[in-house]
């Protein structure tokens, strides 16, 4: 009984601190896109960490909203269009047209 209780407490505590990590294939150094349970987003590698915020931008001439993330680290800023492509993949794009998509996979 004690082992079962210990197992349940450990399983519950791991779920409280769970986060999703995606490996992003950038041109230069690759980054990890981390989304925690509270919806906080960060983009980081061994040398730099960007804190990101998600917001919505209307697509010109329509009522469709596009999801964007704005990432900041000190004076550096990055903006990406954010698309949840599948359960295991997120696509980041710099622009809507003529942009190389950055694939982020679990």
Protein backbone atom coordinates (compact mmCIF):
# COMPACT_ATOMS: atom_id res chain seq x y z
CA UNK A 1 0.00 0.00 0.00
CA UNK A 2 2.84 2.40 0.82
CA UNK A 3 4.48 1.69 -2.53
CA UNK A 4 1.24 2.44 -4.35
CA UNK A 5 0.82 5.73 -2.48
CA UNK A 6 4.43 6.69 -3.23
CA UNK A 7 3.96 5.85 -6.91
CA UNK A 8 0.78 7.94 -7.14
CA UNK A 9 2.42 10.93 -5.44
CA UNK A 10 5.43 10.75 -7.78
CA UNK A 11 3.24 10.43 -10.88
CA UNK A 12 1.09 13.37 -9.78
CA UNK A 13 4.10 15.60 -9.03
CA UNK A 14 5.65 14.90 -12.46
CA UNK A 15 2.39 15.90 -14.16
CA UNK A 16 2.37 19.24 -12.31
CA UNK A 17 5.72 20.21 -13.81
CA UNK A 18 5.24 18.67 -17.23
CA UNK A 19 6.11 20.67 -20.30
CA UNK A 20 6.28 20.01 -24.01
CA UNK A 21 9.67 20.33 -25.69
CA UNK A 22 10.02 20.62 -29.46
CA UNK A 23 13.36 20.47 -31.29
CA UNK A 24 13.44 23.27 -33.91
CA UNK A 25 15.59 23.01 -37.03
CA UNK A 26 16.85 26.57 -37.65
CA UNK A 27 19.42 27.61 -40.30
CA UNK A 28 22.17 28.13 -37.72
CA UNK A 29 22.10 26.85 -34.18
CA UNK A 30 19.01 24.81 -33.37
CA UNK A 31 16.67 25.79 -30.56
CA UNK A 32 14.26 24.03 -28.23
CA UNK A 33 10.72 25.40 -28.15
CA UNK A 34 9.34 24.75 -24.66
CA UNK A 35 5.68 25.21 -23.75
CA UNK A 36 4.84 24.60 -20.10
CA UNK A 37 1.51 23.67 -18.54
CA UNK A 38 0.69 27.33 -17.80
CA UNK A 39 1.17 28.29 -21.46
CA UNK A 40 4.54 30.01 -20.99
CA UNK A 41 6.70 29.70 -24.10
CA UNK A 42 10.47 29.87 -24.38
CA UNK A 43 12.91 29.37 -27.24
CA UNK A 44 16.38 28.37 -26.07
CA UNK A 45 19.65 26.63 -26.78
CA UNK A 46 22.90 26.32 -24.81
CA UNK A 47 23.85 29.97 -25.22
CA UNK A 48 20.64 32.04 -25.26
CA UNK A 49 17.08 31.91 -23.95
CA UNK A 50 14.16 33.89 -25.39
CA UNK A 51 10.98 34.38 -23.37
CA UNK A 52 8.02 34.41 -25.75
CA UNK A 53 4.46 35.66 -25.66
CA UNK A 54 1.68 34.50 -27.92
CA UNK A 55 -0.73 36.93 -29.56
CA UNK A 56 -3.11 37.08 -32.50
CA UNK A 57 -2.90 39.24 -35.60
CA UNK A 58 -5.72 39.61 -38.14
CA UNK A 59 -5.01 38.38 -41.64
CA UNK A 60 -5.37 41.46 -43.89
CA UNK A 61 -8.78 41.77 -45.52
CA UNK A 62 -10.34 38.86 -43.59
CA UNK A 63 -11.72 38.01 -40.18
CA UNK A 64 -9.15 35.22 -39.72
CA UNK A 65 -6.69 35.62 -36.86
CA UNK A 66 -3.13 34.35 -37.23
CA UNK A 67 -1.18 33.20 -34.19
CA UNK A 68 2.20 34.85 -33.65
CA UNK A 69 4.84 34.58 -30.98
CA UNK A 70 7.10 37.46 -29.97
CA UNK A 71 10.34 36.28 -28.35
CA UNK A 72 12.71 38.57 -26.43
CA UNK A 73 16.12 38.16 -24.85
CA UNK A 74 17.62 41.44 -23.70
CA UNK A 75 17.59 43.72 -26.74
CA UNK A 76 17.14 40.86 -29.24
CA UNK A 77 13.66 40.21 -30.64
CA UNK A 78 12.27 37.43 -32.83
CA UNK A 79 8.75 37.21 -34.30
CA UNK A 80 7.25 34.08 -35.82
CA UNK A 81 3.92 32.92 -37.16
CA UNK A 82 3.01 29.90 -35.04
CA UNK A 83 1.10 26.90 -36.42
CA UNK A 84 0.28 23.69 -34.54
CA UNK A 85 0.69 21.41 -37.57
CA UNK A 86 0.03 18.14 -35.73
CA UNK A 87 0.19 16.74 -32.22
CA UNK A 88 3.94 16.25 -32.62
CA UNK A 89 4.92 19.20 -34.83
CA UNK A 90 4.81 22.99 -34.70
CA UNK A 91 5.74 25.17 -37.67
CA UNK A 92 7.35 28.59 -37.17
CA UNK A 93 7.48 31.05 -40.09
CA UNK A 94 9.10 34.49 -40.33
CA UNK A 95 6.74 35.71 -43.09
CA UNK A 96 3.57 34.51 -44.73
CA UNK A 97 5.08 34.52 -48.22
CA UNK A 98 8.51 33.34 -49.40
CA UNK A 99 9.60 32.13 -46.00
CA UNK A 100 11.40 28.93 -45.08
CA UNK A 101 9.30 27.17 -42.49
CA UNK A 102 11.06 26.04 -39.33
CA UNK A 103 9.89 22.61 -38.24
CA UNK A 104 9.75 21.92 -34.50
CA UNK A 105 9.15 18.28 -33.56
CA UNK A 106 8.64 16.58 -30.22
